[in-house]
PDB file of N, CA and C in Angstrom:
ATOM      1  N   MET A   1      22.287  14.438   8.829  1.00  0.00           N
ATOM      2  CA  MET A   1      21.417  13.594   8.034  1.00  0.00           C
ATOM      3  C   MET A   1      19.949  13.767   8.442  1.00  0.00           C
ATOM      4  N   ILE A   2      19.712  13.890   9.755  1.00  0.00           N
ATOM      5  CA  ILE A   2      18.346  14.067  10.233  1.00  0.00           C
ATOM      6  C   ILE A   2      17.797  15.412   9.782  1.00  0.00           C
ATOM      7  N   ASP A   3      18.650  16.448   9.765  1.00  0.00           N
ATOM      8  CA  ASP A   3      18.210  17.749   9.283  1.00  0.00           C
ATOM      9  C   ASP A   3      17.819  17.683   7.816  1.00  0.00           C
ATOM     10  N   PHE A   4      18.557  16.906   7.041  1.00  0.00           N
ATOM     11  CA  PHE A   4      18.246  16.755   5.621  1.00  0.00           C
ATOM     12  C   PHE A   4      16.876  16.115   5.435  1.00  0.00           C
ATOM     13  N   ILE A   5      16.591  15.079   6.218  1.00  0.00           N
ATOM     14  CA  ILE A   5      15.308  14.382   6.105  1.00  0.00           C
ATOM     15  C   ILE A   5      14.173  15.273   6.591  1.00  0.00           C
ATOM     16  N   SER A   6      14.379  15.958   7.702  1.00  0.00           N
ATOM     17  CA  SER A   6      13.298  16.795   8.222  1.00  0.00           C
ATOM     18  C   SER A   6      13.069  18.019   7.355  1.00  0.00           C
ATOM     19  N   ARG A   7      14.100  18.500   6.690  1.00  0.00           N
ATOM     20  CA  ARG A   7      13.949  19.681   5.856  1.00  0.00           C
ATOM     21  C   ARG A   7      13.064  19.386   4.654  1.00  0.00           C
ATOM     22  N   PHE A   8      13.205  18.225   4.075  1.00  0.00           N
ATOM     23  CA  PHE A   8      12.384  17.858   2.925  1.00  0.00           C
ATOM     24  C   PHE A   8      11.093  17.153   3.337  1.00  0.00           C
ATOM     25  N   ASP A   9      10.881  17.013   4.623  1.00  0.00           N
ATOM     26  CA  ASP A   9       9.671  16.397   5.161  1.00  0.00           C
ATOM     27  C   ASP A   9       9.422  15.031   4.516  1.00  0.00           C
ATOM     28  N   PHE A  10      10.400  14.172   4.660  1.00  0.00           N
ATOM     29  CA  PHE A  10      10.383  12.854   4.037  1.00  0.00           C
ATOM     30  C   PHE A  10       9.190  12.025   4.484  1.00  0.00           C
ATOM     31  N   LYS A  11       8.843  12.109   5.758  1.00  0.00           N
ATOM     32  CA  LYS A  11       7.734  11.309   6.269  1.00  0.00           C
ATOM     33  C   LYS A  11       6.414  11.712   5.623  1.00  0.00           C
ATOM     34  N   LYS A  12       6.242  12.975   5.369  1.00  0.00           N
ATOM     35  CA  LYS A  12       5.013  13.442   4.718  1.00  0.00           C
ATOM     36  C   LYS A  12       4.882  12.850   3.321  1.00  0.00           C
ATOM     37  N   TYR A  13       5.973  12.866   2.565  1.00  0.00           N
ATOM     38  CA  TYR A  13       5.942  12.303   1.217  1.00  0.00           C
ATOM     39  C   TYR A  13       5.748  10.785   1.245  1.00  0.00           C
ATOM     40  N   LEU A  14       6.365  10.134   2.195  1.00  0.00           N
ATOM     41  CA  LEU A  14       6.207   8.689   2.322  1.00  0.00           C
ATOM     42  C   LEU A  14       4.770   8.332   2.692  1.00  0.00           C
ATOM     43  N   ASP A  15       4.181   9.085   3.611  1.00  0.00           N
ATOM     44  CA  ASP A  15       2.787   8.829   3.978  1.00  0.00           C
ATOM     45  C   ASP A  15       1.849   9.054   2.795  1.00  0.00           C
ATOM     46  N   ASN A  16       2.095  10.094   2.012  1.00  0.00           N
ATOM     47  CA  ASN A  16       1.270  10.340   0.830  1.00  0.00           C
ATOM     48  C   ASN A  16       1.415   9.221  -0.195  1.00  0.00           C
ATOM     49  N   PHE A  17       2.635   8.739  -0.382  1.00  0.00           N
ATOM     50  CA  PHE A  17       2.868   7.633  -1.313  1.00  0.00           C
ATOM     51  C   PHE A  17       2.140   6.371  -0.857  1.00  0.00           C
ATOM     52  N   LEU A  18       2.213   6.066   0.439  1.00  0.00           N
ATOM     53  CA  LEU A  18       1.560   4.864   0.951  1.00  0.00           C
ATOM     54  C   LEU A  18       0.039   4.996   0.909  1.00  0.00           C
ATOM     55  N   LEU A  19      -0.464   6.206   1.096  1.00  0.00           N
ATOM     56  CA  LEU A  19      -1.905   6.413   0.983  1.00  0.00           C
ATOM     57  C   LEU A  19      -2.373   6.205  -0.451  1.00  0.00           C
ATOM     58  N   CYS A  20      -1.619   6.724  -1.408  1.00  0.00           N
ATOM     59  CA  CYS A  20      -1.952   6.488  -2.824  1.00  0.00           C
ATOM     60  C   CYS A  20      -1.865   5.005  -3.161  1.00  0.00           C
ATOM     61  N   ASN A  21      -0.877   4.342  -2.601  1.00  0.00           N
ATOM     62  CA  ASN A  21      -0.723   2.905  -2.820  1.00  0.00           C
ATOM     63  C   ASN A  21      -1.926   2.147  -2.269  1.00  0.00           C
ATOM     64  N   LEU A  22      -2.421   2.544  -1.112  1.00  0.00           N
ATOM     65  CA  LEU A  22      -3.603   1.909  -0.533  1.00  0.00           C
ATOM     66  C   LEU A  22      -4.813   2.070  -1.455  1.00  0.00           C
ATOM     67  N   PHE A  23      -4.999   3.260  -1.996  1.00  0.00           N
ATOM     68  CA  PHE A  23      -6.128   3.467  -2.889  1.00  0.00           C
ATOM     69  C   PHE A  23      -5.974   2.689  -4.201  1.00  0.00           C
ATOM     70  N   ILE A  24      -4.751   2.512  -4.664  1.00  0.00           N
ATOM     71  CA  ILE A  24      -4.518   1.694  -5.855  1.00  0.00           C
ATOM     72  C   ILE A  24      -4.923   0.242  -5.581  1.00  0.00           C
ATOM     73  N   VAL A  25      -4.565  -0.278  -4.410  1.00  0.00           N
ATOM     74  CA  VAL A  25      -4.923  -1.653  -4.058  1.00  0.00           C
ATOM     75  C   VAL A  25      -6.437  -1.798  -3.924  1.00  0.00           C
ATOM     76  N   ILE A  26      -7.087  -0.824  -3.296  1.00  0.00           N
ATOM     77  CA  ILE A  26      -8.550  -0.882  -3.156  1.00  0.00           C
ATOM     78  C   ILE A  26      -9.220  -0.813  -4.524  1.00  0.00           C
ATOM     79  N   PHE A  27      -8.762   0.106  -5.372  1.00  0.00           N
ATOM     80  CA  PHE A  27      -9.327   0.203  -6.717  1.00  0.00           C
ATOM     81  C   PHE A  27      -9.099  -1.078  -7.507  1.00  0.00           C
ATOM     82  N   SER A  28      -7.936  -1.696  -7.351  1.00  0.00           N
ATOM     83  CA  SER A  28      -7.650  -2.949  -8.052  1.00  0.00           C
ATOM     84  C   SER A  28      -8.583  -4.070  -7.597  1.00  0.00           C
ATOM     85  N   ALA A  29      -8.872  -4.118  -6.302  1.00  0.00           N
ATOM     86  CA  ALA A  29      -9.794  -5.143  -5.797  1.00  0.00           C
ATOM     87  C   ALA A  29     -11.199  -4.920  -6.351  1.00  0.00           C
ATOM     88  N   LEU A  30     -11.627  -3.665  -6.395  1.00  0.00           N
ATOM     89  CA  LEU A  30     -12.947  -3.366  -6.957  1.00  0.00           C
ATOM     90  C   LEU A  30     -13.002  -3.685  -8.452  1.00  0.00           C
ATOM     91  N   PHE A  31     -11.915  -3.380  -9.152  1.00  0.00           N
ATOM     92  CA  PHE A  31     -11.858  -3.697 -10.573  1.00  0.00           C
ATOM     93  C   PHE A  31     -11.869  -5.208 -10.804  1.00  0.00           C
ATOM     94  N   PHE A  32     -11.205  -5.951  -9.908  1.00  0.00           N
ATOM     95  CA  PHE A  32     -11.214  -7.409 -10.019  1.00  0.00           C
ATOM     96  C   PHE A  32     -12.628  -7.964  -9.844  1.00  0.00           C
ATOM     97  N   ILE A  33     -13.350  -7.453  -8.860  1.00  0.00           N
ATOM     98  CA  ILE A  33     -14.737  -7.892  -8.658  1.00  0.00           C
ATOM     99  C   ILE A  33     -15.584  -7.554  -9.880  1.00  0.00           C
ATOM    100  N   PHE A  34     -15.400  -6.344 -10.402  1.00  0.00           N
ATOM    101  CA  PHE A  34     -16.131  -5.936 -11.604  1.00  0.00           C
ATOM    102  C   PHE A  34     -15.800  -6.838 -12.786  1.00  0.00           C
ATOM    103  N   SER A  35     -14.515  -7.168 -12.947  1.00  0.00           N
ATOM    104  CA  SER A  35     -14.123  -8.010 -14.082  1.00  0.00           C
ATOM    105  C   SER A  35     -14.645  -9.439 -13.927  1.00  0.00           C
ATOM    106  N   LEU A  36     -14.757  -9.928 -12.683  1.00  0.00           N
ATOM    107  CA  LEU A  36     -15.356 -11.248 -12.483  1.00  0.00           C
ATOM    108  C   LEU A  36     -16.845 -11.239 -12.840  1.00  0.00           C
ATOM    109  N   ILE A  37     -17.531 -10.188 -12.457  1.00  0.00           N
ATOM    110  CA  ILE A  37     -18.954 -10.085 -12.802  1.00  0.00           C
ATOM    111  C   ILE A  37     -19.122 -10.012 -14.319  1.00  0.00           C
ATOM    112  N   MET A  38     -18.264  -9.253 -14.978  1.00  0.00           N
ATOM    113  CA  MET A  38     -18.349  -9.158 -16.431  1.00  0.00           C
ATOM    114  C   MET A  38     -17.969 -10.475 -17.099  1.00  0.00           C
ATOM    115  N   GLU A  39     -17.062 -11.239 -16.500  1.00  0.00           N
ATOM    116  CA  GLU A  39     -16.699 -12.554 -17.036  1.00  0.00           C
ATOM    117  C   GLU A  39     -17.891 -13.503 -16.960  1.00  0.00           C
ATOM    118  N   ILE A  40     -18.629 -13.432 -15.869  1.00  0.00           N
ATOM    119  CA  ILE A  40     -19.826 -14.271 -15.737  1.00  0.00           C
ATOM    120  C   ILE A  40     -20.848 -13.907 -16.800  1.00  0.00           C
ATOM    121  N   ASN A  41     -20.936 -12.617 -17.144  1.00  0.00           N
ATOM    122  CA  ASN A  41     -21.886 -12.151 -18.155  1.00  0.00           C
ATOM    123  C   ASN A  41     -21.393 -12.336 -19.585  1.00  0.00           C
ATOM    124  N   GLY A  42     -20.192 -12.871 -19.772  1.00  0.00           N
ATOM    125  CA  GLY A  42     -19.707 -13.192 -21.098  1.00  0.00           C
ATOM    126  C   GLY A  42     -18.716 -12.202 -21.691  1.00  0.00           C
ATOM    127  N   LYS A  43     -18.361 -11.158 -20.980  1.00  0.00           N
ATOM    128  CA  LYS A  43     -17.377 -10.179 -21.467  1.00  0.00           C
ATOM    129  C   LYS A  43     -16.042 -10.457 -20.784  1.00  0.00           C
ATOM    130  N   SER A  44     -15.139 -11.086 -21.495  1.00  0.00           N
ATOM    131  CA  SER A  44     -13.878 -11.495 -20.869  1.00  0.00           C
ATOM    132  C   SER A  44     -12.756 -10.479 -21.041  1.00  0.00           C
ATOM    133  N   ILE A  45     -13.011  -9.364 -21.695  1.00  0.00           N
ATOM    134  CA  ILE A  45     -11.949  -8.393 -21.951  1.00  0.00           C
ATOM    135  C   ILE A  45     -11.424  -7.770 -20.656  1.00  0.00           C
ATOM    136  N   PHE A  46     -12.305  -7.548 -19.666  1.00  0.00           N
ATOM    137  CA  PHE A  46     -11.878  -6.921 -18.415  1.00  0.00           C
ATOM    138  C   PHE A  46     -11.003  -7.853 -17.589  1.00  0.00           C
ATOM    139  N   LEU A  47     -11.361  -9.125 -17.536  1.00  0.00           N
ATOM    140  CA  LEU A  47     -10.546 -10.083 -16.797  1.00  0.00           C
ATOM    141  C   LEU A  47      -9.205 -10.313 -17.498  1.00  0.00           C
ATOM    142  N   ASN A  48      -9.201 -10.311 -18.811  1.00  0.00           N
ATOM    143  CA  ASN A  48      -7.934 -10.434 -19.542  1.00  0.00           C
ATOM    144  C   ASN A  48      -7.035  -9.231 -19.269  1.00  0.00           C
ATOM    145  N   PHE A  49      -7.637  -8.039 -19.222  1.00  0.00           N
ATOM    146  CA  PHE A  49      -6.848  -6.841 -18.897  1.00  0.00           C
ATOM    147  C   PHE A  49      -6.307  -6.920 -17.476  1.00  0.00           C
ATOM    148  N   PHE A  50      -7.124  -7.393 -16.539  1.00  0.00           N
ATOM    149  CA  PHE A  50      -6.673  -7.537 -15.152  1.00  0.00           C
ATOM    150  C   PHE A  50      -5.514  -8.520 -15.060  1.00  0.00           C
ATOM    151  N   ARG A  51      -5.589  -9.615 -15.798  1.00  0.00           N
ATOM    152  CA  ARG A  51      -4.498 -10.597 -15.794  1.00  0.00           C
ATOM    153  C   ARG A  51      -3.216 -10.008 -16.369  1.00  0.00           C
ATOM    154  N   ARG A  52      -3.347  -9.119 -17.370  1.00  0.00           N
ATOM    155  CA  ARG A  52      -2.154  -8.505 -17.963  1.00  0.00           C
ATOM    156  C   ARG A  52      -1.474  -7.521 -17.022  1.00  0.00           C
ATOM    157  N   ILE A  53      -2.248  -6.817 -16.184  1.00  0.00           N
ATOM    158  CA  ILE A  53      -1.634  -5.834 -15.287  1.00  0.00           C
ATOM    159  C   ILE A  53      -1.341  -6.394 -13.902  1.00  0.00           C
ATOM    160  N   TRP A  54      -1.640  -7.674 -13.657  1.00  0.00           N
ATOM    161  CA  TRP A  54      -1.446  -8.250 -12.337  1.00  0.00           C
ATOM    162  C   TRP A  54       0.015  -8.205 -11.902  1.00  0.00           C
ATOM    163  N   GLU A  55       0.913  -8.792 -12.689  1.00  0.00           N
ATOM    164  CA  GLU A  55       2.324  -8.869 -12.277  1.00  0.00           C
ATOM    165  C   GLU A  55       3.050  -7.536 -12.303  1.00  0.00           C
ATOM    166  N   PRO A  56       2.937  -6.734 -13.356  1.00  0.00           N
ATOM    167  CA  PRO A  56       3.745  -5.517 -13.359  1.00  0.00           C
ATOM    168  C   PRO A  56       3.183  -4.374 -12.517  1.00  0.00           C
ATOM    169  N   PHE A  57       1.921  -4.425 -12.124  1.00  0.00           N
ATOM    170  CA  PHE A  57       1.333  -3.266 -11.473  1.00  0.00           C
ATOM    171  C   PHE A  57       0.685  -3.587 -10.118  1.00  0.00           C
ATOM    172  N   ILE A  58      -0.176  -4.548 -10.066  1.00  0.00           N
ATOM    173  CA  ILE A  58      -0.968  -4.801  -8.860  1.00  0.00           C
ATOM    174  C   ILE A  58      -0.163  -5.573  -7.816  1.00  0.00           C
ATOM    175  N   LEU A  59       0.563  -6.573  -8.213  1.00  0.00           N
ATOM    176  CA  LEU A  59       1.341  -7.372  -7.261  1.00  0.00           C
ATOM    177  C   LEU A  59       2.389  -6.536  -6.519  1.00  0.00           C
ATOM    178  N   PRO A  60       3.152  -5.662  -7.184  1.00  0.00           N
ATOM    179  CA  PRO A  60       4.067  -4.797  -6.419  1.00  0.00           C
ATOM    180  C   PRO A  60       3.337  -3.844  -5.474  1.00  0.00           C
ATOM    181  N   ALA A  61       2.157  -3.353  -5.867  1.00  0.00           N
ATOM    182  CA  ALA A  61       1.405  -2.461  -4.979  1.00  0.00           C
ATOM    183  C   ALA A  61       0.967  -3.191  -3.711  1.00  0.00           C
ATOM    184  N   ILE A  62       0.520  -4.425  -3.860  1.00  0.00           N
ATOM    185  CA  ILE A  62       0.118  -5.212  -2.688  1.00  0.00           C
ATOM    186  C   ILE A  62       1.334  -5.525  -1.818  1.00  0.00           C
ATOM    187  N   THR A  63       2.458  -5.829  -2.448  1.00  0.00           N
ATOM    188  CA  THR A  63       3.685  -6.130  -1.708  1.00  0.00           C
ATOM    189  C   THR A  63       4.157  -4.921  -0.919  1.00  0.00           C
ATOM    190  N   ILE A  64       4.139  -3.742  -1.520  1.00  0.00           N
ATOM    191  CA  ILE A  64       4.535  -2.514  -0.828  1.00  0.00           C
ATOM    192  C   ILE A  64       3.600  -2.244   0.341  1.00  0.00           C
ATOM    193  N   LEU A  65       2.309  -2.458   0.143  1.00  0.00           N
ATOM    194  CA  LEU A  65       1.337  -2.226   1.210  1.00  0.00           C
ATOM    195  C   LEU A  65       1.583  -3.153   2.401  1.00  0.00           C
ATOM    196  N   ILE A  66       1.792  -4.429   2.151  1.00  0.00           N
ATOM    197  CA  ILE A  66       2.026  -5.386   3.239  1.00  0.00           C
ATOM    198  C   ILE A  66       3.359  -5.105   3.923  1.00  0.00           C
ATOM    199  N   PHE A  67       4.406  -4.847   3.145  1.00  0.00           N
ATOM    200  CA  PHE A  67       5.725  -4.581   3.728  1.00  0.00           C
ATOM    201  C   PHE A  67       5.704  -3.314   4.576  1.00  0.00           C
ATOM    202  N   SER A  68       5.050  -2.270   4.091  1.00  0.00           N
ATOM    203  CA  SER A  68       5.015  -1.024   4.864  1.00  0.00           C
ATOM    204  C   SER A  68       4.214  -1.200   6.151  1.00  0.00           C
ATOM    205  N   THR A  69       3.159  -1.987   6.110  1.00  0.00           N
ATOM    206  CA  THR A  69       2.385  -2.251   7.321  1.00  0.00           C
ATOM    207  C   THR A  69       3.227  -3.003   8.349  1.00  0.00           C
ATOM    208  N   LEU A  70       3.959  -4.002   7.905  1.00  0.00           N
ATOM    209  CA  LEU A  70       4.822  -4.748   8.820  1.00  0.00           C
ATOM    210  C   LEU A  70       5.954  -3.875   9.355  1.00  0.00           C
ATOM    211  N   LEU A  71       6.512  -3.020   8.509  1.00  0.00           N
ATOM    212  CA  LEU A  71       7.596  -2.138   8.935  1.00  0.00           C
ATOM    213  C   LEU A  71       7.106  -1.124   9.967  1.00  0.00           C
ATOM    214  N   ILE A  72       5.940  -0.548   9.756  1.00  0.00           N
ATOM    215  CA  ILE A  72       5.388   0.408  10.707  1.00  0.00           C
ATOM    216  C   ILE A  72       5.086  -0.281  12.038  1.00  0.00           C
ATOM    217  N   ALA A  73       4.564  -1.496  11.988  1.00  0.00           N
ATOM    218  CA  ALA A  73       4.294  -2.240  13.220  1.00  0.00           C
ATOM    219  C   ALA A  73       5.588  -2.554  13.964  1.00  0.00           C
ATOM    220  N   PHE A  74       6.636  -2.921  13.241  1.00  0.00           N
ATOM    221  CA  PHE A  74       7.922  -3.219  13.868  1.00  0.00           C
ATOM    222  C   PHE A  74       8.526  -1.968  14.490  1.00  0.00           C
ATOM    223  N   ILE A  75       8.458  -0.852  13.794  1.00  0.00           N
ATOM    224  CA  ILE A  75       9.004   0.395  14.326  1.00  0.00           C
ATOM    225  C   ILE A  75       8.234   0.828  15.571  1.00  0.00           C
ATOM    226  N   SER A  76       6.928   0.675  15.548  1.00  0.00           N
ATOM    227  CA  SER A  76       6.112   1.015  16.723  1.00  0.00           C
ATOM    228  C   SER A  76       6.463   0.119  17.902  1.00  0.00           C
ATOM    229  N   TRP A  77       6.629  -1.164  17.660  1.00  0.00           N
ATOM    230  CA  TRP A  77       7.008  -2.091  18.718  1.00  0.00           C
ATOM    231  C   TRP A  77       8.388  -1.743  19.272  1.00  0.00           C
ATOM    232  N   LEU A  78       9.314  -1.388  18.381  1.00  0.00           N
ATOM    233  CA  LEU A  78      10.667  -1.045  18.794  1.00  0.00           C
ATOM    234  C   LEU A  78      10.673   0.237  19.624  1.00  0.00           C
ATOM    235  N   LYS A  79       9.867   1.213  19.252  1.00  0.00           N
ATOM    236  CA  LYS A  79       9.789   2.448  20.035  1.00  0.00           C
ATOM    237  C   LYS A  79       9.258   2.183  21.435  1.00  0.00           C
ATOM    238  N   LYS A  80       8.296   1.287  21.546  1.00  0.00           N
ATOM    239  CA  LYS A  80       7.751   0.956  22.868  1.00  0.00           C
ATOM    240  C   LYS A  80       8.782   0.225  23.727  1.00  0.00           C
ATOM    241  N   LYS A  81       9.628  -0.583  23.104  1.00  0.00           N
ATOM    242  CA  LYS A  81      10.654  -1.307  23.853  1.00  0.00           C
ATOM    243  C   LYS A  81      11.797  -0.387  24.268  1.00  0.00           C
ATOM    244  N   VAL A  82      12.209   0.501  23.371  1.00  0.00           N
ATOM    245  CA  VAL A  82      13.364   1.344  23.640  1.00  0.00           C
ATOM    246  C   VAL A  82      12.992   2.527  24.527  1.00  0.00           C
ATOM    247  N   LEU A  83      11.853   3.134  24.275  1.00  0.00           N
ATOM    248  CA  LEU A  83      11.440   4.314  25.025  1.00  0.00           C
ATOM    249  C   LEU A  83      10.127   4.048  25.770  1.00  0.00           C
ATOM    250  N   PRO A  84      10.176   3.228  26.809  1.00  0.00           N
ATOM    251  CA  PRO A  84       8.907   2.900  27.491  1.00  0.00           C
ATOM    252  C   PRO A  84       8.372   4.051  28.341  1.00  0.00           C
ATOM    253  N   GLU A  85       9.221   5.024  28.725  1.00  0.00           N
ATOM    254  CA  GLU A  85       8.756   6.088  29.599  1.00  0.00           C
ATOM    255  C   GLU A  85       7.982   7.169  28.854  1.00  0.00           C
ATOM    256  N   GLU A  86       8.089   7.249  27.530  1.00  0.00           N
ATOM    257  CA  GLU A  86       7.335   8.233  26.764  1.00  0.00           C
ATOM    258  C   GLU A  86       5.899   7.778  26.620  1.00  0.00           C
ATOM    259  N   GLU A  87       4.981   8.738  26.687  1.00  0.00           N
ATOM    260  CA  GLU A  87       3.579   8.417  26.505  1.00  0.00           C
ATOM    261  C   GLU A  87       3.074   9.077  25.243  1.00  0.00           C
ATOM    262  N   ASP A  88       2.193   8.370  24.534  1.00  0.00           N
ATOM    263  CA  ASP A  88       1.543   8.957  23.371  1.00  0.00           C
ATOM    264  C   ASP A  88       0.355   9.775  23.835  1.00  0.00           C
ATOM    265  N   ILE A  89       0.209  10.899  23.228  1.00  0.00           N
ATOM    266  CA  ILE A  89      -0.920  11.769  23.602  1.00  0.00           C
ATOM    267  C   ILE A  89      -1.998  11.642  22.553  1.00  0.00           C
TER     268      ILE A  89
END
């Protein structure tokens, strides 16, 4: 099973996916700020569009980002507990 995962370089693809997810969340935050500024100026179409894509698109991206961060932190903590004699270079 480990050979199968290493052969397809699963970690590389997962890291690329999470990096794209991070940029989606950052772009969504910038778009939200832009839509708030446009709402103040009287153009509500951008904020309405943001509200329409919030649940199906932005909320899952934020959830994946938070979950992956917690999972990576847990795995790092577990590695330090299980293999304390190894040093990171």
